[in-house]
Amino acid sequence: MRTYRGANSAGDETVDPQGILGREQLEWLERELARSRAVWKVIAADMPIGLVVPDTTEGRQHVEAVAQGDPGAPLGRELQIAELLRFVKHRRITGTVWLTADVHHTSAQHYRPERAAFGDFEPFWEFVSGPLNAGAFPASALDGTFGPERVWVKAPSASNVSPAGGYQFFGEVDIDGDSGELTVRMREQDGTVLFTKTLQPGLVGQ
């Protein structure tokens, strides 16, 4: 989401062929998701899907990630994510889980079409954590385009809290070889478990 994307902008374009993944990478991801027979397809991405991340180097009217704060129909980089989510639904690809980063706090979001302005996708989870050993920031605003619900979050109330002040997090994922259950644990730097979510294989909408 950094190597192939187009330049940061206000995110209000109605056409964005480059997107945040780039056409070549998007086609690779769709192809590999469609051919995969894995129970879980874990998508590790640099940027969150529904959390607004302003580009402060160019002004707050620009966005660094996908969401731009408009809860309506997809615009800008959201167009490419909408295309990917639609592809996953129509190809009946199950077991997609998003692991994302870059917001300097930790949270878990569940996305459902019933809550979304764009509804042509199956529900999915996004777990956000990191980076480690960096200033911590308050929780990002949610963008309603893909219907996120913030199920859990831990973040400071002040901006750029020193790592010495805490708020350093990482995530852990375990997949049980017998049951196929996928368990996500969001942890503090010392290993303390802050949040746990277990997903069942093959189920849609959990």
Protein backbone atom coordinates (compact mmCIF):
# COMPACT_ATOMS: atom_id res chain seq x y z
CA MET A 1 0.00 0.00 0.00
CA ARG A 2 3.03 2.29 -0.23
CA THR A 3 5.01 0.92 -3.16
CA TYR A 4 2.41 0.95 -5.94
CA ARG A 5 -0.09 3.59 -4.85
CA GLY A 6 -0.74 6.92 -6.49
CA ALA A 7 0.05 10.24 -4.85
CA ASN A 8 -1.86 11.27 -1.73
CA SER A 9 -4.84 13.48 -2.46
CA ALA A 10 -8.13 14.62 -0.98
CA GLY A 11 -9.51 11.19 -1.86
CA ASP A 12 -12.59 12.50 -3.64
CA GLU A 13 -11.83 11.20 -7.14
CA THR A 14 -14.62 9.30 -8.91
CA VAL A 15 -11.99 7.43 -10.97
CA ASP A 16 -8.68 6.24 -9.54
CA PRO A 17 -7.00 3.59 -11.73
CA GLN A 18 -3.76 3.55 -9.71
CA GLY A 19 -5.49 3.31 -6.35
CA ILE A 20 -3.60 2.31 -3.23
CA LEU A 21 -2.55 -1.13 -4.46
CA GLY A 22 -1.74 -0.41 -8.08
CA ARG A 23 -3.46 -2.33 -10.85
CA GLU A 24 -0.77 -5.00 -11.18
CA GLN A 25 -0.71 -5.78 -7.47
CA LEU A 26 -4.52 -5.77 -7.23
CA GLU A 27 -4.77 -8.28 -10.09
CA TRP A 28 -2.11 -10.46 -8.41
CA LEU A 29 -4.00 -10.38 -5.10
CA GLU A 30 -7.32 -11.25 -6.72
CA ARG A 31 -5.74 -14.08 -8.69
CA GLU A 32 -4.00 -15.57 -5.67
CA LEU A 33 -7.07 -15.27 -3.44
CA ALA A 34 -9.18 -17.04 -6.07
CA ARG A 35 -6.75 -19.92 -6.51
CA SER A 36 -5.94 -20.36 -2.80
CA ARG A 37 -7.36 -23.40 -1.02
CA ALA A 38 -6.20 -22.20 2.39
CA VAL A 39 -8.80 -22.07 5.15
CA TRP A 40 -7.66 -18.55 6.05
CA LYS A 41 -6.46 -15.87 3.67
CA VAL A 42 -4.66 -13.36 5.87
CA ILE A 43 -4.13 -10.03 4.12
CA ALA A 44 -1.28 -8.12 5.74
CA ALA A 45 -1.52 -4.48 4.67
CA ASP A 46 0.38 -1.30 5.49
CA MET A 47 -2.72 0.86 5.90
CA PRO A 48 -6.12 0.43 7.57
CA ILE A 49 -9.32 0.19 5.52
CA GLY A 50 -11.88 2.25 7.41
CA LEU A 51 -9.75 4.45 9.66
CA VAL A 52 -9.08 8.00 8.48
CA VAL A 53 -5.34 8.75 8.41
CA PRO A 54 -4.64 12.38 7.41
CA ASP A 55 -1.50 13.26 5.49
CA THR A 56 -0.18 16.03 7.70
CA THR A 57 2.75 16.76 5.39
CA GLU A 58 0.39 18.08 2.72
CA GLY A 59 -2.45 19.35 4.86
CA ARG A 60 -5.47 17.69 6.44
CA GLN A 61 -7.38 17.77 3.17
CA HIS A 62 -5.10 14.94 1.98
CA VAL A 63 -5.29 11.33 3.16
CA GLU A 64 -2.48 8.87 3.78
CA ALA A 65 -4.49 5.64 3.83
CA VAL A 66 -7.75 4.52 2.16
CA ALA A 67 -10.62 6.26 3.96
CA GLN A 68 -11.08 10.00 3.52
CA GLY A 69 -13.86 10.68 6.02
CA ASP A 70 -16.82 10.80 3.65
CA PRO A 71 -19.17 7.98 4.77
CA GLY A 72 -20.90 7.81 1.39
CA ALA A 73 -20.19 5.82 -1.77
CA PRO A 74 -16.54 4.86 -2.47
CA LEU A 75 -14.27 7.62 -3.75
CA GLY A 76 -10.54 7.85 -4.38
CA ARG A 77 -8.61 4.88 -3.00
CA GLU A 78 -11.83 3.40 -1.64
CA LEU A 79 -12.80 2.53 -5.21
CA GLN A 80 -10.06 -0.08 -5.46
CA ILE A 81 -10.86 -1.58 -2.07
CA ALA A 82 -14.52 -1.77 -3.11
CA GLU A 83 -13.46 -3.62 -6.25
CA LEU A 84 -11.44 -6.10 -4.19
CA LEU A 85 -14.21 -6.68 -1.64
CA ARG A 86 -16.75 -7.19 -4.43
CA PHE A 87 -14.41 -9.70 -6.09
CA VAL A 88 -14.04 -11.68 -2.84
CA LYS A 89 -17.82 -11.85 -2.43
CA HIS A 90 -18.70 -12.81 -5.99
CA ARG A 91 -15.95 -15.42 -6.21
CA ARG A 92 -17.20 -16.83 -2.89
CA ILE A 93 -13.79 -16.59 -1.26
CA THR A 94 -14.05 -17.32 2.45
CA GLY A 95 -11.68 -16.76 5.35
CA THR A 96 -10.27 -13.33 4.54
CA VAL A 97 -8.86 -11.47 7.54
CA TRP A 98 -7.12 -8.10 7.38
CA LEU A 99 -4.08 -7.27 9.55
CA THR A 100 -3.21 -3.60 9.20
CA ALA A 101 -1.00 -0.99 10.87
CA ASP A 102 0.32 2.58 10.76
CA VAL A 103 -2.10 4.35 13.14
CA HIS A 104 0.06 4.22 16.31
CA HIS A 105 -2.64 2.61 18.44
CA THR A 106 -4.43 -0.73 18.42
CA SER A 107 -8.02 -1.68 17.60
CA ALA A 108 -10.36 -4.27 16.10
CA GLN A 109 -13.01 -3.35 13.51
CA HIS A 110 -15.81 -5.49 12.10
CA TYR A 111 -17.18 -4.52 8.69
CA ARG A 112 -20.75 -5.35 7.64
CA PRO A 113 -22.62 -4.38 4.45
CA GLU A 114 -25.79 -3.60 6.43
CA ARG A 115 -23.98 -0.65 8.02
CA ALA A 116 -22.20 0.48 4.86
CA ALA A 117 -22.80 2.94 2.04
CA PHE A 118 -21.18 0.33 -0.24
CA GLY A 119 -22.82 -3.01 0.48
CA ASP A 120 -21.55 -5.44 -2.17
CA PHE A 121 -19.21 -7.42 0.11
CA GLU A 122 -19.20 -10.08 2.79
CA PRO A 123 -18.47 -9.15 6.43
CA PHE A 124 -14.84 -9.24 7.52
CA TRP A 125 -12.56 -8.36 10.44
CA GLU A 126 -9.66 -5.92 10.53
CA PHE A 127 -7.12 -5.99 13.36
CA VAL A 128 -4.81 -2.98 13.67
CA SER A 129 -1.59 -2.70 15.65
CA GLY A 130 1.75 -0.96 15.43
CA PRO A 131 4.27 0.38 14.89
CA LEU A 132 6.33 -0.53 17.93
CA ASN A 133 8.73 1.98 19.53
CA ALA A 134 7.03 5.02 18.02
CA GLY A 135 4.92 7.87 19.36
CA ALA A 136 1.33 6.83 20.14
CA PHE A 137 -1.73 8.73 18.89
CA PRO A 138 -5.47 8.88 19.68
CA ALA A 139 -7.88 6.57 17.90
CA SER A 140 -8.52 7.49 14.28
CA ALA A 141 -11.96 8.51 13.12
CA LEU A 142 -14.03 5.84 11.36
CA ASP A 143 -15.30 6.21 7.80
CA GLY A 144 -18.70 4.58 7.21
CA THR A 145 -18.24 3.68 3.53
CA PHE A 146 -17.60 -0.01 4.33
CA GLY A 147 -19.62 -0.11 7.53
CA PRO A 148 -16.96 -0.53 10.22
CA GLU A 149 -17.82 -1.00 13.87
CA ARG A 150 -14.96 -0.43 16.28
CA VAL A 151 -15.36 -3.42 18.58
CA TRP A 152 -12.31 -2.64 20.69
CA VAL A 153 -9.60 0.03 20.88
CA LYS A 154 -6.76 1.14 23.12
CA ALA A 155 -5.18 4.51 22.42
CA PRO A 156 -3.97 7.55 24.34
CA SER A 157 -5.97 10.75 24.55
CA ALA A 158 -2.94 12.90 23.69
CA SER A 159 -0.88 12.94 20.49
CA ASN A 160 2.66 11.60 20.06
CA VAL A 161 2.93 10.00 23.48
CA SER A 162 6.51 8.83 24.01
CA PRO A 163 7.15 5.06 23.93
CA ALA A 164 8.37 5.51 27.50
CA GLY A 165 4.78 6.44 28.38
CA GLY A 166 3.38 3.11 27.18
CA TYR A 167 0.81 2.49 24.46
CA GLN A 168 3.12 0.14 22.57
CA PHE A 169 1.27 -2.81 21.02
CA PHE A 170 1.58 -5.84 18.80
CA GLY A 171 -0.74 -8.55 17.56
CA GLU A 172 -0.49 -12.34 17.58
CA VAL A 173 -2.40 -14.80 15.40
CA ASP A 174 -2.75 -18.54 16.08
CA ILE A 175 -4.49 -21.06 13.82
CA ASP A 176 -5.45 -24.36 15.45
CA GLY A 177 -4.38 -27.25 13.24
CA ASP A 178 -7.27 -29.47 14.32
CA SER A 179 -10.28 -27.15 14.52
CA GLY A 180 -9.08 -24.53 12.06
CA GLU A 181 -10.03 -21.77 14.49
CA LEU A 182 -8.12 -18.51 14.05
CA THR A 183 -7.44 -16.60 17.26
CA VAL A 184 -6.18 -13.03 17.32
CA ARG A 185 -4.66 -11.59 20.48
CA MET A 186 -3.83 -7.93 20.76
CA ARG A 187 -1.01 -7.49 23.24
CA GLU A 188 0.80 -4.76 25.10
CA GLN A 189 4.56 -4.51 24.73
CA ASP A 190 5.13 -6.65 27.84
CA GLY A 191 2.94 -9.41 26.38
CA THR A 192 -0.22 -8.67 28.36
CA VAL A 193 -3.29 -9.74 26.37
CA LEU A 194 -5.68 -6.81 25.92
CA PHE A 195 -8.22 -8.28 23.50
CA THR A 196 -8.94 -11.72 22.05
CA LYS A 197 -11.14 -12.75 19.14
CA THR A 198 -11.57 -16.31 17.84
CA LEU A 199 -12.99 -16.84 14.35
CA GLN A 200 -14.50 -20.07 13.08
CA PRO A 201 -13.44 -21.45 9.68
CA GLY A 202 -15.93 -21.30 6.82
CA LEU A 203 -18.43 -19.01 8.52
CA VAL A 204 -19.59 -15.79 6.87
CA GLY A 205 -20.61 -12.76 8.90
CA GLN A 206 -18.97 -13.70 12.20
